[in-house]
Amino acid sequence: ILTSAVAQCIKKILVEANTALMEPVMSLEVVS
């Protein structure tokens, strides 16, 4: 119950803060 409550609080904070997911981008070189 404690874990669930904390997770819900953190989720609410992240939604209100307009957070976004970031992804790694690679520099790619293809020789063909």
PDB file of all heavy atoms in Angstrom:
ATOM      1  N   ILE A   1       0.843  -1.201   0.000  1.00  0.00           N
ATOM      2  CA  ILE A   1       0.000   0.000   0.000  1.00  0.00           C
ATOM      3  C   ILE A   1       0.876   1.248   0.000  1.00  0.00           C
ATOM      4  O   ILE A   1       0.610   2.204  -0.730  1.00  0.00           O
ATOM      5  CB  ILE A   1      -0.962  -0.004   1.213  1.00  0.00           C
ATOM      6  CG1 ILE A   1      -1.995  -1.118   1.037  1.00  0.00           C
ATOM      7  CG2 ILE A   1      -1.637   1.346   1.383  1.00  0.00           C
ATOM      8  CD1 ILE A   1      -2.904  -1.329   2.214  1.00  0.00           C
ATOM      9  N   LEU A   2       1.952   1.259   0.798  1.00  0.00           N
ATOM     10  CA  LEU A   2       2.855   2.409   0.832  1.00  0.00           C
ATOM     11  C   LEU A   2       3.518   2.620  -0.530  1.00  0.00           C
ATOM     12  O   LEU A   2       3.591   3.751  -1.022  1.00  0.00           O
ATOM     13  CB  LEU A   2       3.927   2.214   1.904  1.00  0.00           C
ATOM     14  CG  LEU A   2       3.445   2.249   3.352  1.00  0.00           C
ATOM     15  CD1 LEU A   2       4.584   1.904   4.298  1.00  0.00           C
ATOM     16  CD2 LEU A   2       2.850   3.595   3.687  1.00  0.00           C
ATOM     17  N   THR A   3       3.994   1.542  -1.135  1.00  0.00           N
ATOM     18  CA  THR A   3       4.645   1.628  -2.444  1.00  0.00           C
ATOM     19  C   THR A   3       3.683   2.178  -3.485  1.00  0.00           C
ATOM     20  O   THR A   3       4.034   3.041  -4.294  1.00  0.00           O
ATOM     21  CB  THR A   3       5.168   0.243  -2.882  1.00  0.00           C
ATOM     22  OG1 THR A   3       6.065  -0.228  -1.883  1.00  0.00           O
ATOM     23  CG2 THR A   3       5.860   0.305  -4.216  1.00  0.00           C
ATOM     24  N   SER A   4       2.458   1.701  -3.465  1.00  0.00           N
ATOM     25  CA  SER A   4       1.445   2.161  -4.413  1.00  0.00           C
ATOM     26  C   SER A   4       1.134   3.642  -4.215  1.00  0.00           C
ATOM     27  O   SER A   4       1.019   4.403  -5.186  1.00  0.00           O
ATOM     28  CB  SER A   4       0.176   1.327  -4.262  1.00  0.00           C
ATOM     29  OG  SER A   4      -0.831   1.788  -5.126  1.00  0.00           O
ATOM     30  N   ALA A   5       1.008   4.067  -2.982  1.00  0.00           N
ATOM     31  CA  ALA A   5       0.706   5.475  -2.696  1.00  0.00           C
ATOM     32  C   ALA A   5       1.840   6.387  -3.160  1.00  0.00           C
ATOM     33  O   ALA A   5       1.600   7.441  -3.771  1.00  0.00           O
ATOM     34  CB  ALA A   5       0.445   5.668  -1.203  1.00  0.00           C
ATOM     35  N   VAL A   6       3.065   5.997  -2.882  1.00  0.00           N
ATOM     36  CA  VAL A   6       4.215   6.798  -3.305  1.00  0.00           C
ATOM     37  C   VAL A   6       4.288   6.861  -4.829  1.00  0.00           C
ATOM     38  O   VAL A   6       4.542   7.922  -5.416  1.00  0.00           O
ATOM     39  CB  VAL A   6       5.525   6.238  -2.700  1.00  0.00           C
ATOM     40  CG1 VAL A   6       6.740   6.892  -3.322  1.00  0.00           C
ATOM     41  CG2 VAL A   6       5.527   6.430  -1.197  1.00  0.00           C
ATOM     42  N   ALA A   7       4.066   5.734  -5.503  1.00  0.00           N
ATOM     43  CA  ALA A   7       4.093   5.705  -6.963  1.00  0.00           C
ATOM     44  C   ALA A   7       3.022   6.633  -7.551  1.00  0.00           C
ATOM     45  O   ALA A   7       3.281   7.346  -8.534  1.00  0.00           O
ATOM     46  CB  ALA A   7       3.894   4.282  -7.469  1.00  0.00           C
ATOM     47  N   GLN A   8       1.832   6.636  -6.968  1.00  0.00           N
ATOM     48  CA  GLN A   8       0.772   7.523  -7.448  1.00  0.00           C
ATOM     49  C   GLN A   8       1.140   8.995  -7.250  1.00  0.00           C
ATOM     50  O   GLN A   8       0.864   9.830  -8.118  1.00  0.00           O
ATOM     51  CB  GLN A   8      -0.551   7.207  -6.750  1.00  0.00           C
ATOM     52  CG  GLN A   8      -1.182   5.908  -7.194  1.00  0.00           C
ATOM     53  CD  GLN A   8      -2.460   5.589  -6.428  1.00  0.00           C
ATOM     54  OE1 GLN A   8      -3.002   6.428  -5.730  1.00  0.00           O
ATOM     55  NE2 GLN A   8      -2.927   4.354  -6.569  1.00  0.00           N
ATOM     56  N   CYS A   9       1.749   9.315  -6.128  1.00  0.00           N
ATOM     57  CA  CYS A   9       2.177  10.701  -5.875  1.00  0.00           C
ATOM     58  C   CYS A   9       3.234  11.141  -6.884  1.00  0.00           C
ATOM     59  O   CYS A   9       3.161  12.248  -7.435  1.00  0.00           O
ATOM     60  CB  CYS A   9       2.729  10.836  -4.459  1.00  0.00           C
ATOM     61  SG  CYS A   9       1.476  10.710  -3.170  1.00  0.00           S
ATOM     62  N   ILE A  10       4.210  10.295  -7.140  1.00  0.00           N
ATOM     63  CA  ILE A  10       5.276  10.638  -8.089  1.00  0.00           C
ATOM     64  C   ILE A  10       4.701  10.786  -9.492  1.00  0.00           C
ATOM     65  O   ILE A  10       5.052  11.713 -10.226  1.00  0.00           O
ATOM     66  CB  ILE A  10       6.406   9.594  -8.035  1.00  0.00           C
ATOM     67  CG1 ILE A  10       7.142   9.713  -6.694  1.00  0.00           C
ATOM     68  CG2 ILE A  10       7.367   9.770  -9.201  1.00  0.00           C
ATOM     69  CD1 ILE A  10       8.171   8.643  -6.443  1.00  0.00           C
ATOM     70  N   LYS A  11       3.791   9.902  -9.875  1.00  0.00           N
ATOM     71  CA  LYS A  11       3.162   9.994 -11.190  1.00  0.00           C
ATOM     72  C   LYS A  11       2.405  11.316 -11.335  1.00  0.00           C
ATOM     73  O   LYS A  11       2.506  11.993 -12.357  1.00  0.00           O
ATOM     74  CB  LYS A  11       2.213   8.820 -11.416  1.00  0.00           C
ATOM     75  CG  LYS A  11       1.568   8.823 -12.773  1.00  0.00           C
ATOM     76  CD  LYS A  11       0.682   7.612 -12.983  1.00  0.00           C
ATOM     77  CE  LYS A  11       0.034   7.671 -14.349  1.00  0.00           C
ATOM     78  NZ  LYS A  11      -0.840   6.525 -14.600  1.00  0.00           N
ATOM     79  N   LYS A  12       1.682  11.716 -10.307  1.00  0.00           N
ATOM     80  CA  LYS A  12       0.934  12.978 -10.347  1.00  0.00           C
ATOM     81  C   LYS A  12       1.880  14.167 -10.493  1.00  0.00           C
ATOM     82  O   LYS A  12       1.637  15.078 -11.286  1.00  0.00           O
ATOM     83  CB  LYS A  12       0.091  13.133  -9.080  1.00  0.00           C
ATOM     84  CG  LYS A  12      -0.753  14.390  -9.068  1.00  0.00           C
ATOM     85  CD  LYS A  12      -1.604  14.491  -7.824  1.00  0.00           C
ATOM     86  CE  LYS A  12      -2.404  15.786  -7.846  1.00  0.00           C
ATOM     87  NZ  LYS A  12      -3.175  15.974  -6.624  1.00  0.00           N
ATOM     88  N   ILE A  13       2.984  14.147  -9.781  1.00  0.00           N
ATOM     89  CA  ILE A  13       3.969  15.231  -9.862  1.00  0.00           C
ATOM     90  C   ILE A  13       4.555  15.308 -11.272  1.00  0.00           C
ATOM     91  O   ILE A  13       4.692  16.395 -11.845  1.00  0.00           O
ATOM     92  CB  ILE A  13       5.090  15.026  -8.815  1.00  0.00           C
ATOM     93  CG1 ILE A  13       4.545  15.262  -7.410  1.00  0.00           C
ATOM     94  CG2 ILE A  13       6.280  15.935  -9.094  1.00  0.00           C
ATOM     95  CD1 ILE A  13       5.466  14.811  -6.305  1.00  0.00           C
ATOM     96  N   LEU A  14       4.893  14.164 -11.841  1.00  0.00           N
ATOM     97  CA  LEU A  14       5.480  14.150 -13.181  1.00  0.00           C
ATOM     98  C   LEU A  14       4.502  14.633 -14.241  1.00  0.00           C
ATOM     99  O   LEU A  14       4.886  15.349 -15.167  1.00  0.00           O
ATOM    100  CB  LEU A  14       5.986  12.746 -13.522  1.00  0.00           C
ATOM    101  CG  LEU A  14       7.173  12.247 -12.700  1.00  0.00           C
ATOM    102  CD1 LEU A  14       7.480  10.796 -13.036  1.00  0.00           C
ATOM    103  CD2 LEU A  14       8.387  13.127 -12.911  1.00  0.00           C
ATOM    104  N   VAL A  15       3.249  14.274 -14.121  1.00  0.00           N
ATOM    105  CA  VAL A  15       2.233  14.735 -15.080  1.00  0.00           C
ATOM    106  C   VAL A  15       2.058  16.244 -14.970  1.00  0.00           C
ATOM    107  O   VAL A  15       2.000  16.957 -15.984  1.00  0.00           O
ATOM    108  CB  VAL A  15       0.895  13.997 -14.857  1.00  0.00           C
ATOM    109  CG1 VAL A  15      -0.228  14.664 -15.630  1.00  0.00           C
ATOM    110  CG2 VAL A  15       1.023  12.539 -15.266  1.00  0.00           C
ATOM    111  N   GLU A  16       1.982  16.758 -13.762  1.00  0.00           N
ATOM    112  CA  GLU A  16       1.805  18.199 -13.560  1.00  0.00           C
ATOM    113  C   GLU A  16       3.026  19.005 -14.008  1.00  0.00           C
ATOM    114  O   GLU A  16       2.904  20.164 -14.369  1.00  0.00           O
ATOM    115  CB  GLU A  16       1.491  18.489 -12.093  1.00  0.00           C
ATOM    116  CG  GLU A  16       0.107  18.022 -11.680  1.00  0.00           C
ATOM    117  CD  GLU A  16      -0.172  18.229 -10.198  1.00  0.00           C
ATOM    118  OE1 GLU A  16       0.695  18.771  -9.475  1.00  0.00           O
ATOM    119  OE2 GLU A  16      -1.275  17.842  -9.767  1.00  0.00           O
ATOM    120  N   ALA A  17       4.204  18.393 -13.993  1.00  0.00           N
ATOM    121  CA  ALA A  17       5.429  19.092 -14.377  1.00  0.00           C
ATOM    122  C   ALA A  17       5.679  19.052 -15.886  1.00  0.00           C
ATOM    123  O   ALA A  17       6.682  19.558 -16.367  1.00  0.00           O
ATOM    124  CB  ALA A  17       6.620  18.484 -13.647  1.00  0.00           C
ATOM    125  N   ASN A  18       4.762  18.447 -16.646  1.00  0.00           N
ATOM    126  CA  ASN A  18       4.906  18.334 -18.105  1.00  0.00           C
ATOM    127  C   ASN A  18       6.232  17.699 -18.503  1.00  0.00           C
ATOM    128  O   ASN A  18       6.952  18.197 -19.353  1.00  0.00           O
ATOM    129  CB  ASN A  18       4.751  19.693 -18.790  1.00  0.00           C
ATOM    130  CG  ASN A  18       3.348  20.224 -18.693  1.00  0.00           C
ATOM    131  OD1 ASN A  18       2.390  19.454 -18.751  1.00  0.00           O
ATOM    132  ND2 ASN A  18       3.212  21.518 -18.520  1.00  0.00           N
ATOM    133  N   THR A  19       6.550  16.583 -17.869  1.00  0.00           N
ATOM    134  CA  THR A  19       7.781  15.873 -18.203  1.00  0.00           C
ATOM    135  C   THR A  19       7.628  15.167 -19.554  1.00  0.00           C
ATOM    136  O   THR A  19       6.525  14.958 -20.037  1.00  0.00           O
ATOM    137  CB  THR A  19       8.120  14.822 -17.125  1.00  0.00           C
ATOM    138  OG1 THR A  19       7.010  13.941 -16.980  1.00  0.00           O
ATOM    139  CG2 THR A  19       8.442  15.478 -15.816  1.00  0.00           C
ATOM    140  N   ALA A  20       8.750  14.827 -20.140  1.00  0.00           N
ATOM    141  CA  ALA A  20       8.746  14.129 -21.432  1.00  0.00           C
ATOM    142  C   ALA A  20       9.796  13.031 -21.406  1.00  0.00           C
ATOM    143  O   ALA A  20      10.800  13.136 -20.704  1.00  0.00           O
ATOM    144  CB  ALA A  20       9.050  15.107 -22.557  1.00  0.00           C
ATOM    145  N   LEU A  21       9.552  12.005 -22.171  1.00  0.00           N
ATOM    146  CA  LEU A  21      10.533  10.930 -22.300  1.00  0.00           C
ATOM    147  C   LEU A  21      11.608  11.340 -23.297  1.00  0.00           C
ATOM    148  O   LEU A  21      11.310  11.913 -24.343  1.00  0.00           O
ATOM    149  CB  LEU A  21       9.869   9.642 -22.777  1.00  0.00           C
ATOM    150  CG  LEU A  21       8.945   8.940 -21.793  1.00  0.00           C
ATOM    151  CD1 LEU A  21       8.329   7.707 -22.439  1.00  0.00           C
ATOM    152  CD2 LEU A  21       9.697   8.537 -20.540  1.00  0.00           C
ATOM    153  N   MET A  22      12.839  11.014 -22.971  1.00  0.00           N
ATOM    154  CA  MET A  22      13.968  11.284 -23.855  1.00  0.00           C
ATOM    155  C   MET A  22      14.503   9.945 -24.340  1.00  0.00           C
ATOM    156  O   MET A  22      14.392   8.943 -23.653  1.00  0.00           O
ATOM    157  CB  MET A  22      15.065  12.037 -23.108  1.00  0.00           C
ATOM    158  CG  MET A  22      14.607  13.324 -22.446  1.00  0.00           C
ATOM    159  SD  MET A  22      14.198  14.603 -23.620  1.00  0.00           S
ATOM    160  CE  MET A  22      15.816  15.177 -24.053  1.00  0.00           C
ATOM    161  N   GLU A  23      15.065   9.946 -25.549  1.00  0.00           N
ATOM    162  CA  GLU A  23      15.658   8.727 -26.081  1.00  0.00           C
ATOM    163  C   GLU A  23      17.046   9.019 -26.635  1.00  0.00           C
ATOM    164  O   GLU A  23      17.299  10.112 -27.132  1.00  0.00           O
ATOM    165  CB  GLU A  23      14.771   8.101 -27.156  1.00  0.00           C
ATOM    166  CG  GLU A  23      14.612   8.910 -28.405  1.00  0.00           C
ATOM    167  CD  GLU A  23      13.694   8.240 -29.425  1.00  0.00           C
ATOM    168  OE1 GLU A  23      13.523   7.011 -29.385  1.00  0.00           O
ATOM    169  OE2 GLU A  23      13.155   8.959 -30.266  1.00  0.00           O
ATOM    170  N   PRO A  24      17.936   8.020 -26.537  1.00  0.00           N
ATOM    171  CA  PRO A  24      19.277   8.219 -27.095  1.00  0.00           C
ATOM    172  C   PRO A  24      19.238   8.224 -28.622  1.00  0.00           C
ATOM    173  O   PRO A  24      18.522   7.432 -29.234  1.00  0.00           O
ATOM    174  CB  PRO A  24      20.066   7.018 -26.573  1.00  0.00           C
ATOM    175  CG  PRO A  24      19.045   5.997 -26.219  1.00  0.00           C
ATOM    176  CD  PRO A  24      17.793   6.730 -25.887  1.00  0.00           C
ATOM    177  N   VAL A  25      20.005   9.132 -29.208  1.00  0.00           N
ATOM    178  CA  VAL A  25      20.109   9.233 -30.664  1.00  0.00           C
ATOM    179  C   VAL A  25      21.554   8.948 -31.042  1.00  0.00           C
ATOM    180  O   VAL A  25      22.485   9.461 -30.418  1.00  0.00           O
ATOM    181  CB  VAL A  25      19.686  10.637 -31.155  1.00  0.00           C
ATOM    182  CG1 VAL A  25      19.895  10.778 -32.651  1.00  0.00           C
ATOM    183  CG2 VAL A  25      18.238  10.900 -30.797  1.00  0.00           C
ATOM    184  N   MET A  26      21.729   8.129 -32.053  1.00  0.00           N
ATOM    185  CA  MET A  26      23.046   7.702 -32.483  1.00  0.00           C
ATOM    186  C   MET A  26      23.451   8.421 -33.768  1.00  0.00           C
ATOM    187  O   MET A  26      22.615   8.676 -34.636  1.00  0.00           O
ATOM    188  CB  MET A  26      23.066   6.194 -32.735  1.00  0.00           C
ATOM    189  CG  MET A  26      22.551   5.363 -31.570  1.00  0.00           C
ATOM    190  SD  MET A  26      23.432   5.632 -30.038  1.00  0.00           S
ATOM    191  CE  MET A  26      24.927   4.731 -30.382  1.00  0.00           C
ATOM    192  N   SER A  27      24.728   8.726 -33.861  1.00  0.00           N
ATOM    193  CA  SER A  27      25.299   9.209 -35.105  1.00  0.00           C
ATOM    194  C   SER A  27      25.628   7.956 -35.910  1.00  0.00           C
ATOM    195  O   SER A  27      26.341   7.072 -35.440  1.00  0.00           O
ATOM    196  CB  SER A  27      26.562  10.012 -34.799  1.00  0.00           C
ATOM    197  OG  SER A  27      27.174  10.421 -35.984  1.00  0.00           O
ATOM    198  N   LEU A  28      25.091   7.875 -37.120  1.00  0.00           N
ATOM    199  CA  LEU A  28      25.181   6.662 -37.922  1.00  0.00           C
ATOM    200  C   LEU A  28      25.875   6.969 -39.238  1.00  0.00           C
ATOM    201  O   LEU A  28      25.623   8.007 -39.853  1.00  0.00           O
ATOM    202  CB  LEU A  28      23.764   6.145 -38.193  1.00  0.00           C
ATOM    203  CG  LEU A  28      23.591   4.893 -39.027  1.00  0.00           C
ATOM    204  CD1 LEU A  28      24.106   3.680 -38.267  1.00  0.00           C
ATOM    205  CD2 LEU A  28      22.126   4.706 -39.383  1.00  0.00           C
ATOM    206  N   GLU A  29      26.763   6.063 -39.645  1.00  0.00           N
ATOM    207  CA  GLU A  29      27.445   6.187 -40.927  1.00  0.00           C
ATOM    208  C   GLU A  29      27.293   4.860 -41.661  1.00  0.00           C
ATOM    209  O   GLU A  29      27.726   3.819 -41.161  1.00  0.00           O
ATOM    210  CB  GLU A  29      28.911   6.508 -40.703  1.00  0.00           C
ATOM    211  CG  GLU A  29      29.689   6.740 -41.970  1.00  0.00           C
ATOM    212  CD  GLU A  29      31.136   7.109 -41.688  1.00  0.00           C
ATOM    213  OE1 GLU A  29      31.378   8.247 -41.258  1.00  0.00           O
ATOM    214  OE2 GLU A  29      32.009   6.239 -41.874  1.00  0.00           O
ATOM    215  N   VAL A  30      26.645   4.886 -42.822  1.00  0.00           N
ATOM    216  CA  VAL A  30      26.423   3.682 -43.621  1.00  0.00           C
ATOM    217  C   VAL A  30      27.195   3.828 -44.921  1.00  0.00           C
ATOM    218  O   VAL A  30      27.066   4.841 -45.609  1.00  0.00           O
ATOM    219  CB  VAL A  30      24.919   3.480 -43.928  1.00  0.00           C
ATOM    220  CG1 VAL A  30      24.708   2.213 -44.759  1.00  0.00           C
ATOM    221  CG2 VAL A  30      24.104   3.421 -42.654  1.00  0.00           C
ATOM    222  N   VAL A  31      27.998   2.827 -45.266  1.00  0.00           N
ATOM    223  CA  VAL A  31      28.747   2.815 -46.521  1.00  0.00           C
ATOM    224  C   VAL A  31      28.167   1.694 -47.374  1.00  0.00           C
ATOM    225  O   VAL A  31      28.132   0.535 -46.949  1.00  0.00           O
ATOM    226  CB  VAL A  31      30.261   2.595 -46.287  1.00  0.00           C
ATOM    227  CG1 VAL A  31      30.991   2.555 -47.615  1.00  0.00           C
ATOM    228  CG2 VAL A  31      30.815   3.685 -45.388  1.00  0.00           C
ATOM    229  N   SER A  32      27.707   2.074 -48.574  1.00  0.00           N
ATOM    230  CA  SER A  32      27.024   1.122 -49.442  1.00  0.00           C
ATOM    231  C   SER A  32      27.359   1.411 -50.896  1.00  0.00           C
ATOM    232  O   SER A  32      27.701   2.538 -51.255  1.00  0.00           O
ATOM    233  CB  SER A  32      25.512   1.237 -49.223  1.00  0.00           C
ATOM    234  OG  SER A  32      24.806   0.517 -50.191  1.00  0.00           O
TER     235      SER A  32
END
